[in-house]
Every structure is written in structure tokens, then in C-alpha cells.
Amino acid sequence: MGVALRAHDICTATGGTLRWGRPDTLFTSVSIDSRHIAPQALFVPLAGERVNGHSYIPAAVEGGAAGFLFSPTFPVVPPDGATGIEVADPLTALQDLATWHRQRLSAQVIGIAGSNGKTTTKELMAQVFTAQRPTRATQGNLNNHIGLPLTLLRAAPEDDFLVLEMGTSGPGELTLLGRFAQPHIGVITSLSEEHTETLGDLAGVLAAETELLTALSPDGVAIINGDDPVLLAAVQQQTRCRIVTFGEQATNQVRASQIQVSRMGTCFELHVQGQRRQVQLPLIGSHCVPAALATIAVVLENGLDLDATCTTLRTAQGAPRRLAPLTVPAYYLTVLDDCYNANPASMQHALQTANTIRHAGERLILVLGDMLELGTVSEPRHKEIGAYVTGLTPAPDALVTVGQYAPQLAEAAIQAGLLAHVFPDATAAAPCVHALVRQADGPQLMLVKGSRSVHLEHILESLVDHRDDTHVAPTQE
């Protein structure tokens, strides 16, 4: 069984008015995309920068939607047989409907925030919980004021757990999301410079991420990265509920030690509640350990089986383009694809990981793109990452920097005598990367990382699409 919404429910939740159709019309899904409509869907037309969803109401109905919301400010010709509900604003109505539906659910809700690691934590937690109990989780990166309501509206009465990723790029956003989600457990994965263009500085990031705490009731639980003293102190000062910490330091209640990283994945020894376990992850990089620890902390808070959790983690899949290993055998090349996003902390983690798994004698190529939305600290942070590159031992064989801040990324490397190439965009950089890869006759490792808007994936796509019997497969080294 899935979600079940009647037209009169929707009117109640949104303050809307039924203009066409029957009050008992049943909707079994909610969509904002007329291209992906299931039978009996409710279509919610949202206004974008270039188009208004109201224009696609006929297409949605033709595609199978049982009805739609609409604003009185936009003229609508009622399609035959469809139910139309007039609301003041479709976006607000979507959020109100999600909040109303959330209050009908008995599921335990887990909200995940933080500067880095939210999606990996969500992915691990979703897989672990799904293996043991009926669970619903955020799909992809639908973690904002539109995506989170859509996730809530996918939840069904039989779901025991909802695992929700909650993103923020400005003050007040997590407060809003918390009002929709009403989580029982709040996880804050990490604190680092992100979105400082809108959040100002690290203090602004801290204030934004800890807004999640305001959504937790006194009998809720805050699960926090205890290795960050600034974050932990703020949580201890602000929260009304119990705190559980995770990390590597001995003071944490859920702790990791003896972390080992290889191309086969990451393993560590788990210490929790007087017990020890060996935990193996197929994900590459020590930065995925906090995601596993947070998952284990939530598992234990909900009485799930620890051994079953460790078993699931052995084969858990990470999110796409987060240090995902690919091989291009024609070039003896292993690629770490981390094109999804970037900020200073995640960039350093990726560089550290590439350096850690680099084999002796293996050529290392770094393809680094802009870290966006950093505001006034953009130039110094890109210079700092460039300086970090020069500290890698052994030194990388080549550096390709891409984007608006490519010169700043390359500055220290050039001064240190490293081979560096600077390009304004991915299209311009691709031929250079291909040439560098083709130069080698031995094994080579390439890290590709940058913010999504730089589109570094185009370099990878054109590389692996290149002929010479090139193909892509998970690395087996």
C-alpha cells in the first residue's frame, strides 16, 4: 500500500477549494513533473525561473494525473474528467499537504543535516534500515523545501522509518524543513565552510546547521559528530534533548579506531556499548567512517540488530559521484569520480584519499574544479587547496584546474614547479586531460572533483566514450 489522499483531504490540508471533480477522488502519488506522472497522481504546478508549471497541467492530465492544484492568478481550462483544487500558492500548498500527511504517520523520522557527508549518511542509513524494517528515504538529493515535502508525500502508513536528508544554504531553511519533517532523531554529520556566500562564515554555517535542533522534542535524540568541539559545544548549549556522539575520539559513545583505507574500501574497529565489531565498507575514504558511525548510532537508538547492520554495511552502495572508482583499462587508468560537489573540507578529504590509495610508481593526475558559493573567502580558500596539493608526497604528476578560480587553485602548484594546466571550463579542459592520460604507458590514478556547476563529469564522459576499446567498470584492485 502507498500514500492515499482524497481530494477533500487535500482541501483540508491546504485550505484549497474544490473547483472541478469529486471530493472523494483518490490520489496515490504527488508529482511536480508532468513528464513523470503515475496513474492517479496529483500534479502540483510550480513556477520556475523560465517556465510555469500551470502550462503543463493538460500534459499531466493526459499522462494519467487524476487531478491538479492551481493558483487563481493563472488561467486554467479544466481538462475533462480531472479534479482541480484551487490554492493560494501551489508551493505552499505542497508544503502544507506534506506537513498534514506527516502528522498522520507513525514512522520514526530521522533528519540528517551537516556540511559534508549528509548524502552518504542517508544512503548507508536507508540501506541498513530497509534491510531490517519498512523504510522510506530521500531520493537523490531532494533535500530542500520542495524535495523534502515530496519525500514525505511518498511515505505510507506501513513505513516504520523515514530517513530524510535536510540541506541548507541560507538562514531559516532548516527551521522550515524541520517544521515539515518533525524528526524524532536529528543527525549533524559535520561542520565546515559551505555556502558562505549566503551564510557568511563558519559561525553562520554553525547557526544554520544547528537549526535542526529546534525541531527535536525534549524526548528526541541529537546524534552529533563529537570530534568537532565547536559543533558539540553549540549543540550542548542549544538542545533540549539527549545527545549521542560519534567519532574517533575516546570520549564518543560510538567510536571508530584503526581506520584503514584501500581501493577495496574502508574498514575500522567499532567501539560501542562495551562491544567491538570489525566494520567493512566498500566505500573509499576515511571520511565515510562518520557516516557509518552515525548510522550505527541511529540503529542502536531504534533497537535494530547491530550484527545485521554490520553485514549490510559490507555491501552498501554510496551515492553517485562521491569518490566513485572507475577503471579505463585502455589507459591503465583508475578514476575517482567526485564530481558531485566540493567545499574546502571535502576537497582536502578527496586529495588525502587519492594520495592514500595511490600505488607506488603510479602516476597521479588531479583534475580540480571550483568550490562554489564560498563568497568573500573564495579566492583564499582556492589558494589554500592549491597549497595543500603541493604538500602531497609524492607530488602529483599533473594538475588540471577548471573554472573561475582555476588560476588560484593552480597558483601554489606553479610556484612549486608542478605541472599545472588552467582552463575556464570543462569543455576547454577535456582535450588536455585526454592528452595527459594518453601519455602514460603504465598505471595511473586520476581524481576528478569540483562543484556540480563546473560539470567536470563532461570530462569523464568524453574520456570513457573515447574509442580504443575503452570501457568503464568498478575497480578490482
Protein backbone atom coordinates (compact mmCIF):
# COMPACT_ATOMS: atom_id res chain seq x y z
CA MET A 1 0.00 0.00 0.00
CA GLY A 2 1.20 3.51 -0.73
CA VAL A 3 0.08 7.02 0.03
CA ALA A 4 -3.68 7.62 -0.18
CA LEU A 5 -5.02 11.17 -0.40
CA ARG A 6 -8.61 12.17 -1.14
CA ALA A 7 -9.49 15.49 -2.72
CA HIS A 8 -11.30 16.60 0.43
CA ASP A 9 -8.14 15.74 2.46
CA ILE A 10 -6.11 17.97 0.20
CA CYS A 11 -8.58 20.82 0.60
CA THR A 12 -8.45 20.41 4.38
CA ALA A 13 -4.64 20.34 4.47
CA THR A 14 -4.09 23.26 2.12
CA GLY A 15 -7.14 25.47 2.66
CA GLY A 16 -7.91 24.87 -1.01
CA THR A 17 -11.26 24.88 -2.80
CA LEU A 18 -12.50 22.04 -4.98
CA ARG A 19 -13.40 23.65 -8.31
CA TRP A 20 -13.83 20.59 -10.53
CA GLY A 21 -14.25 16.90 -9.79
CA ARG A 22 -15.39 14.83 -6.84
CA PRO A 23 -14.33 15.29 -3.19
CA ASP A 24 -13.62 11.56 -2.88
CA THR A 25 -11.19 11.47 -5.84
CA LEU A 26 -8.26 9.28 -4.74
CA PHE A 27 -4.63 10.27 -5.34
CA THR A 28 -1.86 7.72 -4.78
CA SER A 29 1.15 9.92 -5.58
CA VAL A 30 2.18 13.56 -5.91
CA SER A 31 4.34 14.93 -8.72
CA ILE A 32 5.71 18.28 -9.84
CA ASP A 33 6.97 16.93 -13.19
CA SER A 34 4.42 16.43 -15.97
CA ARG A 35 6.89 14.15 -17.77
CA HIS A 36 6.81 11.62 -14.95
CA ILE A 37 3.22 11.09 -13.95
CA ALA A 38 1.83 7.88 -12.47
CA PRO A 39 -1.85 6.93 -12.73
CA GLN A 40 -3.93 8.65 -10.03
CA ALA A 41 -1.24 11.25 -9.37
CA LEU A 42 -1.83 14.75 -8.06
CA PHE A 43 0.05 17.25 -10.21
CA VAL A 44 1.41 20.32 -8.41
CA PRO A 45 2.41 23.09 -10.87
CA LEU A 46 5.33 25.12 -9.56
CA ALA A 47 6.67 28.36 -11.03
CA GLY A 48 10.29 28.18 -12.19
CA GLU A 49 12.69 30.81 -13.46
CA ARG A 50 11.78 30.19 -17.11
CA VAL A 51 8.51 28.24 -17.10
CA ASN A 52 5.37 27.97 -15.01
CA GLY A 53 4.07 24.52 -14.21
CA HIS A 54 0.50 25.62 -14.87
CA SER A 55 1.31 25.41 -18.57
CA TYR A 56 1.80 21.66 -18.19
CA ILE A 57 -1.49 20.82 -16.47
CA PRO A 58 -3.04 19.42 -19.71
CA ALA A 59 0.05 17.26 -20.33
CA ALA A 60 -0.04 15.97 -16.75
CA VAL A 61 -3.71 15.01 -17.04
CA GLU A 62 -3.10 13.39 -20.40
CA GLY A 63 -0.24 11.44 -18.78
CA GLY A 64 -2.56 9.98 -16.15
CA ALA A 65 -2.88 12.56 -13.38
CA ALA A 66 -6.23 12.30 -11.61
CA GLY A 67 -6.14 15.98 -10.72
CA PHE A 68 -4.09 19.07 -10.04
CA LEU A 69 -3.63 22.11 -7.87
CA PHE A 70 -3.76 25.55 -9.42
CA SER A 71 -3.45 29.19 -8.48
CA PRO A 72 -6.29 31.64 -9.25
CA THR A 73 -3.71 34.02 -10.71
CA PHE A 74 -3.09 31.64 -13.60
CA PRO A 75 -5.91 30.92 -16.09
CA VAL A 76 -6.70 27.19 -16.30
CA VAL A 77 -9.03 25.45 -18.72
CA PRO A 78 -10.32 22.41 -16.82
CA PRO A 79 -9.34 19.19 -18.62
CA ASP A 80 -12.19 16.70 -19.00
CA GLY A 81 -12.59 14.39 -16.03
CA ALA A 82 -9.77 15.79 -13.91
CA THR A 83 -10.14 17.13 -10.38
CA GLY A 84 -8.98 20.72 -9.91
CA ILE A 85 -8.23 22.25 -6.50
CA GLU A 86 -7.65 25.98 -6.26
CA VAL A 87 -4.99 27.06 -3.75
CA ALA A 88 -3.42 30.42 -2.97
CA ASP A 89 0.07 29.19 -3.85
CA PRO A 90 0.92 25.68 -5.12
CA LEU A 91 4.34 25.55 -3.41
CA THR A 92 2.92 26.49 -0.03
CA ALA A 93 0.09 24.03 -0.60
CA LEU A 94 2.61 21.26 -1.36
CA GLN A 95 4.40 22.01 1.92
CA ASP A 96 1.15 22.21 3.90
CA LEU A 97 -0.03 18.92 2.43
CA ALA A 98 3.28 17.24 3.33
CA THR A 99 3.08 18.55 6.90
CA TRP A 100 -0.52 17.33 7.23
CA HIS A 101 0.44 13.92 5.84
CA ARG A 102 3.46 13.71 8.16
CA GLN A 103 1.15 14.09 11.16
CA ARG A 104 -0.82 11.02 10.01
CA LEU A 105 2.28 8.81 10.02
CA SER A 106 3.54 6.69 12.90
CA ALA A 107 7.01 6.22 11.40
CA GLN A 108 10.15 7.16 13.31
CA VAL A 109 11.64 10.13 11.44
CA ILE A 110 15.40 10.72 11.22
CA GLY A 111 16.60 14.09 9.89
CA ILE A 112 20.19 14.38 8.62
CA ALA A 113 21.99 17.72 8.33
CA GLY A 114 25.63 18.81 8.19
CA SER A 115 28.23 20.42 5.95
CA ASN A 116 29.63 17.20 4.49
CA GLY A 117 28.53 13.58 4.45
CA LYS A 118 24.74 14.06 4.55
CA THR A 119 24.02 12.08 1.41
CA THR A 120 26.44 9.26 2.23
CA THR A 121 24.96 9.00 5.72
CA LYS A 122 21.46 8.96 4.27
CA GLU A 123 22.38 6.26 1.76
CA LEU A 124 24.00 3.99 4.35
CA MET A 125 21.19 4.51 6.85
CA ALA A 126 18.49 3.87 4.26
CA GLN A 127 20.09 0.60 3.18
CA VAL A 128 20.64 -0.61 6.74
CA PHE A 129 17.11 0.23 7.85
CA THR A 130 15.49 -1.13 4.69
CA ALA A 131 17.23 -4.46 5.26
CA GLN A 132 15.51 -4.77 8.65
CA ARG A 133 12.27 -2.78 8.60
CA PRO A 134 9.94 -0.96 6.12
CA THR A 135 11.76 2.30 5.38
CA ARG A 136 11.38 5.33 3.13
CA ALA A 137 14.28 7.66 2.37
CA THR A 138 15.13 10.80 0.41
CA GLN A 139 15.74 10.01 -3.24
CA GLY A 140 18.85 11.53 -4.77
CA ASN A 141 19.45 15.00 -3.35
CA LEU A 142 15.79 16.04 -2.87
CA ASN A 143 16.69 17.68 0.41
CA ASN A 144 15.23 21.18 0.13
CA HIS A 145 11.90 22.98 0.58
CA ILE A 146 10.49 21.16 -2.46
CA GLY A 147 12.24 17.80 -2.32
CA LEU A 148 11.61 17.09 1.34
CA PRO A 149 7.81 17.59 1.08
CA LEU A 150 7.79 15.27 -1.95
CA THR A 151 9.66 12.65 0.06
CA LEU A 152 7.17 12.94 2.92
CA LEU A 153 4.31 12.52 0.47
CA ARG A 154 5.80 9.21 -0.69
CA ALA A 155 5.64 7.79 2.83
CA ALA A 156 2.98 5.18 3.53
CA PRO A 157 1.31 4.15 6.80
CA GLU A 158 3.23 0.87 6.84
CA ASP A 159 6.64 2.57 6.81
CA ASP A 160 8.42 2.22 10.16
CA PHE A 161 11.21 4.69 9.39
CA LEU A 162 11.71 7.82 7.32
CA VAL A 163 15.33 8.76 6.62
CA LEU A 164 15.39 12.37 5.46
CA GLU A 165 18.34 14.36 4.17
CA MET A 166 17.91 18.04 5.07
CA GLY A 167 20.01 20.63 3.25
CA THR A 168 20.56 24.30 3.89
CA SER A 169 22.19 27.17 2.07
CA GLY A 170 20.64 30.06 3.98
CA PRO A 171 19.38 31.08 7.43
CA GLY A 172 15.98 29.67 8.36
CA GLU A 173 15.92 26.87 5.79
CA LEU A 174 16.46 24.01 8.25
CA THR A 175 13.91 25.53 10.61
CA LEU A 176 11.39 25.35 7.77
CA LEU A 177 12.33 21.78 6.85
CA GLY A 178 12.15 20.75 10.48
CA ARG A 179 8.62 22.06 10.65
CA PHE A 180 7.66 19.80 7.76
CA ALA A 181 9.56 16.72 8.90
CA GLN A 182 9.14 16.88 12.70
CA PRO A 183 12.03 14.44 13.24
CA HIS A 184 12.41 12.29 16.33
CA ILE A 185 16.17 11.98 15.79
CA GLY A 186 18.44 14.66 14.35
CA VAL A 187 21.90 13.86 12.96
CA ILE A 188 24.53 16.54 12.30
CA THR A 189 27.35 14.93 10.36
CA SER A 190 29.99 17.67 10.32
CA LEU A 191 30.71 21.38 10.36
CA SER A 192 32.88 23.15 7.79
CA GLU A 193 32.84 26.13 5.45
CA GLU A 194 29.99 25.76 2.94
CA HIS A 195 27.60 28.22 1.30
CA THR A 196 29.47 31.08 2.97
CA GLU A 197 28.26 33.26 0.13
CA THR A 198 24.87 33.23 1.90
CA LEU A 199 25.78 32.05 5.40
CA GLY A 200 28.67 34.48 5.88
CA ASP A 201 31.26 32.48 7.79
CA LEU A 202 31.73 29.35 9.86
CA ALA A 203 29.63 30.84 12.65
CA GLY A 204 26.83 31.34 10.15
CA VAL A 205 27.17 27.74 8.99
CA LEU A 206 27.02 26.56 12.60
CA ALA A 207 23.88 28.61 13.25
CA ALA A 208 22.23 27.24 10.10
CA GLU A 209 23.06 23.57 10.67
CA THR A 210 22.03 23.61 14.32
CA GLU A 211 18.58 24.90 13.37
CA LEU A 212 17.78 21.19 13.11
CA LEU A 213 17.83 21.06 16.90
CA THR A 214 14.78 23.31 17.17
CA ALA A 215 12.70 20.59 15.50
CA LEU A 216 13.60 17.99 18.14
CA SER A 217 11.31 17.50 21.12
CA PRO A 218 12.72 17.06 24.64
CA ASP A 219 12.33 13.29 24.29
CA GLY A 220 14.15 13.26 20.94
CA VAL A 221 17.82 12.48 20.32
CA ALA A 222 20.57 14.60 18.76
CA ILE A 223 23.31 12.46 17.19
CA ILE A 224 26.38 14.62 16.72
CA ASN A 225 29.93 14.40 15.39
CA GLY A 226 31.72 14.61 18.73
CA ASP A 227 35.13 15.12 17.15
CA ASP A 228 34.18 18.75 16.42
CA PRO A 229 34.38 20.68 19.72
CA VAL A 230 32.72 23.80 18.27
CA LEU A 231 29.75 21.85 16.98
CA LEU A 232 29.42 19.79 20.13
CA ALA A 233 29.55 22.83 22.42
CA ALA A 234 26.85 24.58 20.40
CA VAL A 235 24.62 21.51 20.50
CA GLN A 236 25.10 21.09 24.24
CA GLN A 237 24.11 24.71 24.75
CA GLN A 238 21.08 24.69 22.47
CA THR A 239 19.43 21.30 22.60
CA ARG A 240 16.68 20.27 24.97
CA CYS A 241 17.11 16.57 24.30
CA ARG A 242 19.60 13.77 24.86
CA ILE A 243 22.87 13.86 22.89
CA VAL A 244 24.74 10.88 21.45
CA THR A 245 28.19 11.48 19.96
CA PHE A 246 30.18 9.63 17.32
CA GLY A 247 33.73 9.96 16.02
CA GLU A 248 37.29 8.78 16.58
CA GLN A 249 37.98 10.40 19.94
CA ALA A 250 37.72 8.21 23.03
CA THR A 251 35.02 10.45 24.54
CA ASN A 252 32.49 9.48 21.85
CA GLN A 253 29.77 6.94 22.63
CA VAL A 254 30.03 5.42 19.14
CA ARG A 255 33.70 5.31 18.21
CA ALA A 256 35.98 4.12 15.41
CA SER A 257 39.64 3.17 15.65
CA GLN A 258 42.25 1.52 13.42
CA ILE A 259 40.82 3.01 10.21
CA GLN A 260 42.31 1.55 7.03
CA VAL A 261 41.61 2.81 3.51
CA SER A 262 42.32 0.97 0.26
CA ARG A 263 40.85 0.63 -3.21
CA MET A 264 38.73 -2.22 -1.90
CA GLY A 265 37.07 0.11 0.59
CA THR A 266 37.41 1.28 4.18
CA CYS A 267 37.48 -0.75 7.39
CA PHE A 268 37.64 0.15 11.07
CA GLU A 269 37.10 -1.23 14.53
CA LEU A 270 33.82 -0.15 16.11
CA HIS A 271 33.55 0.53 19.85
CA VAL A 272 30.01 0.92 21.21
CA GLN A 273 28.18 -0.01 24.41
CA GLY A 274 31.12 -2.10 25.61
CA GLN A 275 31.17 -4.08 22.38
CA ARG A 276 33.61 -4.25 19.47
CA ARG A 277 32.97 -5.10 15.85
CA GLN A 278 35.03 -5.06 12.68
CA VAL A 279 33.19 -2.89 10.16
CA GLN A 280 33.94 -3.09 6.45
CA LEU A 281 32.65 -0.61 3.89
CA PRO A 282 33.04 -0.85 0.12
CA LEU A 283 33.30 2.95 0.04
CA ILE A 284 36.69 4.58 -0.35
CA GLY A 285 37.94 7.16 2.15
CA SER A 286 38.14 7.74 5.89
CA HIS A 287 35.51 10.47 5.53
CA CYS A 288 32.86 7.74 5.08
CA VAL A 289 33.56 6.41 8.59
CA PRO A 290 31.49 9.16 10.32
CA ALA A 291 28.58 8.26 8.03
CA ALA A 292 28.79 4.65 9.17
CA LEU A 293 29.13 5.65 12.83
CA ALA A 294 26.09 7.95 12.64
CA THR A 295 24.14 5.12 11.02
CA ILE A 296 25.12 2.71 13.78
CA ALA A 297 24.18 5.25 16.45
CA VAL A 298 20.69 5.62 14.95
CA VAL A 299 20.37 1.84 14.59
CA LEU A 300 21.06 1.32 18.28
CA GLU A 301 18.70 4.11 19.31
CA ASN A 302 15.93 2.26 17.49
CA GLY A 303 16.73 -1.21 18.79
CA LEU A 304 17.80 -2.69 15.47
CA ASP A 305 20.32 -5.51 15.22
CA LEU A 306 23.97 -4.43 15.27
CA ASP A 307 25.36 -7.56 13.60
CA ALA A 308 22.79 -7.35 10.80
CA THR A 309 23.76 -3.70 10.37
CA CYS A 310 27.45 -4.56 10.00
CA THR A 311 26.54 -7.22 7.45
CA THR A 312 24.57 -4.73 5.37
CA LEU A 313 27.38 -2.17 5.54
CA ARG A 314 29.76 -4.67 3.90
CA THR A 315 27.88 -4.34 0.60
CA ALA A 316 26.32 -0.89 0.99
CA GLN A 317 26.40 1.43 -2.01
CA GLY A 318 27.42 5.04 -1.81
CA ALA A 319 25.86 7.98 -3.61
CA PRO A 320 26.91 8.53 -7.25
CA ARG A 321 29.96 10.68 -7.96
CA ARG A 322 31.28 10.63 -4.40
CA LEU A 323 34.78 9.20 -4.85
CA ALA A 324 33.25 6.50 -7.03
CA PRO A 325 36.02 4.33 -8.53
CA LEU A 326 36.04 3.64 -12.26
CA THR A 327 38.63 1.94 -14.43
CA VAL A 328 39.54 2.74 -18.01
CA PRO A 329 41.63 -0.30 -18.92
CA ALA A 330 42.82 1.02 -22.28
CA TYR A 331 44.78 3.70 -20.41
CA TYR A 332 45.68 1.65 -17.30
CA LEU A 333 43.67 4.32 -15.51
CA THR A 334 41.72 4.30 -12.26
CA VAL A 335 39.45 7.31 -11.76
CA LEU A 336 38.00 8.64 -8.51
CA ASP A 337 34.83 10.36 -9.69
CA ASP A 338 33.87 13.04 -7.15
CA CYS A 339 32.09 15.47 -9.45
CA TYR A 340 29.02 15.89 -7.26
CA ASN A 341 30.08 18.80 -5.08
CA ALA A 342 33.00 20.48 -3.36
CA ASN A 343 33.93 22.67 -0.42
CA PRO A 344 37.33 23.11 1.25
CA ALA A 345 36.91 20.26 3.74
CA SER A 346 35.61 17.74 1.21
CA MET A 347 38.32 18.76 -1.27
CA GLN A 348 41.03 18.05 1.28
CA HIS A 349 39.43 14.69 2.16
CA ALA A 350 39.37 13.71 -1.52
CA LEU A 351 43.00 14.71 -2.07
CA GLN A 352 44.05 12.83 1.04
CA THR A 353 42.16 9.74 -0.11
CA ALA A 354 43.71 9.80 -3.58
CA ASN A 355 47.16 10.12 -2.06
CA THR A 356 46.46 7.29 0.40
CA ILE A 357 45.35 4.75 -2.21
CA ARG A 358 47.98 5.70 -4.79
CA HIS A 359 50.23 2.75 -5.55
CA ALA A 360 54.00 3.05 -5.59
CA GLY A 361 55.12 4.21 -9.02
CA GLU A 362 51.59 5.10 -10.09
CA ARG A 363 51.11 8.37 -11.94
CA LEU A 364 48.68 10.80 -10.20
CA ILE A 365 46.62 13.33 -12.17
CA LEU A 366 44.43 15.81 -10.31
CA VAL A 367 41.51 17.47 -12.09
CA LEU A 368 40.11 20.07 -9.69
CA GLY A 369 37.23 22.45 -10.29
CA ASP A 370 35.79 25.45 -8.50
CA MET A 371 34.40 25.21 -4.98
CA LEU A 372 31.40 27.48 -5.42
CA GLU A 373 29.19 29.55 -3.10
CA LEU A 374 32.05 30.47 -0.76
CA GLY A 375 31.54 34.23 -1.14
CA THR A 376 34.33 36.54 0.01
CA VAL A 377 36.62 33.67 1.04
CA SER A 378 36.57 32.06 -2.42
CA GLU A 379 39.99 33.19 -3.58
CA PRO A 380 41.92 32.43 -0.36
CA ARG A 381 40.29 29.01 0.02
CA HIS A 382 41.17 28.02 -3.54
CA LYS A 383 44.74 29.16 -2.94
CA GLU A 384 44.85 27.07 0.24
CA ILE A 385 43.73 23.96 -1.64
CA GLY A 386 46.43 24.64 -4.21
CA ALA A 387 48.97 24.83 -1.40
CA TYR A 388 47.60 21.57 0.03
CA VAL A 389 48.25 19.91 -3.33
CA THR A 390 51.92 20.91 -3.17
CA GLY A 391 52.21 19.17 0.19
CA LEU A 392 51.20 15.75 -1.16
CA THR A 393 54.01 13.20 -1.06
CA PRO A 394 54.98 12.01 -3.56
CA ALA A 395 53.98 15.03 -5.61
CA PRO A 396 51.22 14.64 -8.22
CA ASP A 397 52.39 14.28 -11.80
CA ALA A 398 49.93 16.78 -13.23
CA LEU A 399 47.28 19.24 -12.04
CA VAL A 400 44.41 20.48 -14.21
CA THR A 401 42.30 23.26 -12.72
CA VAL A 402 38.93 24.25 -14.13
CA GLY A 403 36.64 27.23 -13.63
CA GLN A 404 36.53 30.80 -12.43
CA TYR A 405 39.03 30.13 -9.65
CA ALA A 406 41.31 27.87 -11.66
CA PRO A 407 44.22 30.35 -11.51
CA GLN A 408 44.04 30.47 -7.72
CA LEU A 409 43.91 26.66 -7.49
CA ALA A 410 46.99 26.38 -9.68
CA GLU A 411 49.00 29.26 -8.20
CA ALA A 412 50.93 27.41 -5.49
CA ALA A 413 51.50 24.38 -7.71
CA ILE A 414 53.04 26.52 -10.44
CA GLN A 415 55.26 28.26 -7.89
CA ALA A 416 56.36 24.85 -6.59
CA GLY A 417 57.30 23.72 -10.09
CA LEU A 418 54.46 21.22 -10.56
CA LEU A 419 53.00 20.66 -14.00
CA ALA A 420 49.73 22.66 -13.97
CA HIS A 421 47.16 23.46 -16.65
CA VAL A 422 44.50 26.14 -16.19
CA PHE A 423 41.17 26.20 -18.06
CA PRO A 424 38.00 28.30 -17.82
CA ASP A 425 35.59 25.37 -18.23
CA ALA A 426 35.31 21.60 -18.59
CA THR A 427 34.95 21.69 -22.37
CA ALA A 428 38.25 23.51 -22.73
CA ALA A 429 39.97 21.21 -20.23
CA ALA A 430 38.86 17.88 -21.73
CA PRO A 431 41.45 17.65 -24.56
CA CYS A 432 44.26 18.37 -22.11
CA VAL A 433 43.07 15.68 -19.70
CA HIS A 434 42.81 13.19 -22.58
CA ALA A 435 46.33 14.06 -23.72
CA LEU A 436 47.74 13.63 -20.20
CA VAL A 437 46.07 10.23 -19.84
CA ARG A 438 47.32 9.02 -23.22
CA GLN A 439 50.92 9.95 -22.40
CA ALA A 440 51.37 7.16 -19.89
CA ASP A 441 52.27 3.55 -20.62
CA GLY A 442 51.91 2.44 -17.00
CA PRO A 443 49.30 2.60 -14.23
CA GLN A 444 47.78 5.96 -13.36
CA LEU A 445 45.25 7.35 -10.90
CA MET A 446 43.10 10.41 -11.52
CA LEU A 447 40.97 12.36 -9.05
CA VAL A 448 38.20 14.49 -10.58
CA LYS A 449 36.48 16.82 -8.08
CA GLY A 450 34.60 20.10 -8.16
CA SER A 451 31.23 21.73 -7.61
CA ARG A 452 28.35 20.49 -9.72
CA SER A 453 28.06 23.69 -11.74
CA VAL A 454 31.56 23.17 -13.15
CA HIS A 455 30.34 19.98 -14.89
CA LEU A 456 33.58 18.06 -14.59
CA GLU A 457 31.60 14.93 -15.39
CA HIS A 458 31.75 16.04 -19.03
CA ILE A 459 35.50 15.41 -18.96
CA LEU A 460 34.90 11.89 -17.69
CA GLU A 461 32.09 11.19 -20.12
CA SER A 462 34.14 12.24 -23.11
CA LEU A 463 37.11 10.26 -21.80
CA VAL A 464 35.28 6.98 -21.31
CA ASP A 465 33.31 7.47 -24.54
CA HIS A 466 36.60 7.72 -26.41
CA ARG A 467 37.23 4.63 -28.51
CA ASP A 468 40.37 2.40 -28.39
CA ASP A 469 38.29 -0.30 -26.67
CA THR A 470 37.85 1.83 -23.57
CA HIS A 471 35.18 0.73 -21.12
CA VAL A 472 34.21 1.53 -17.57
CA ALA A 473 33.86 -0.93 -14.71
CA PRO A 474 34.26 -0.92 -10.93
CA THR A 475 37.88 -1.17 -9.94
CA GLN A 476 39.04 -4.57 -8.71
CA GLU A 477 42.46 -3.53 -7.41
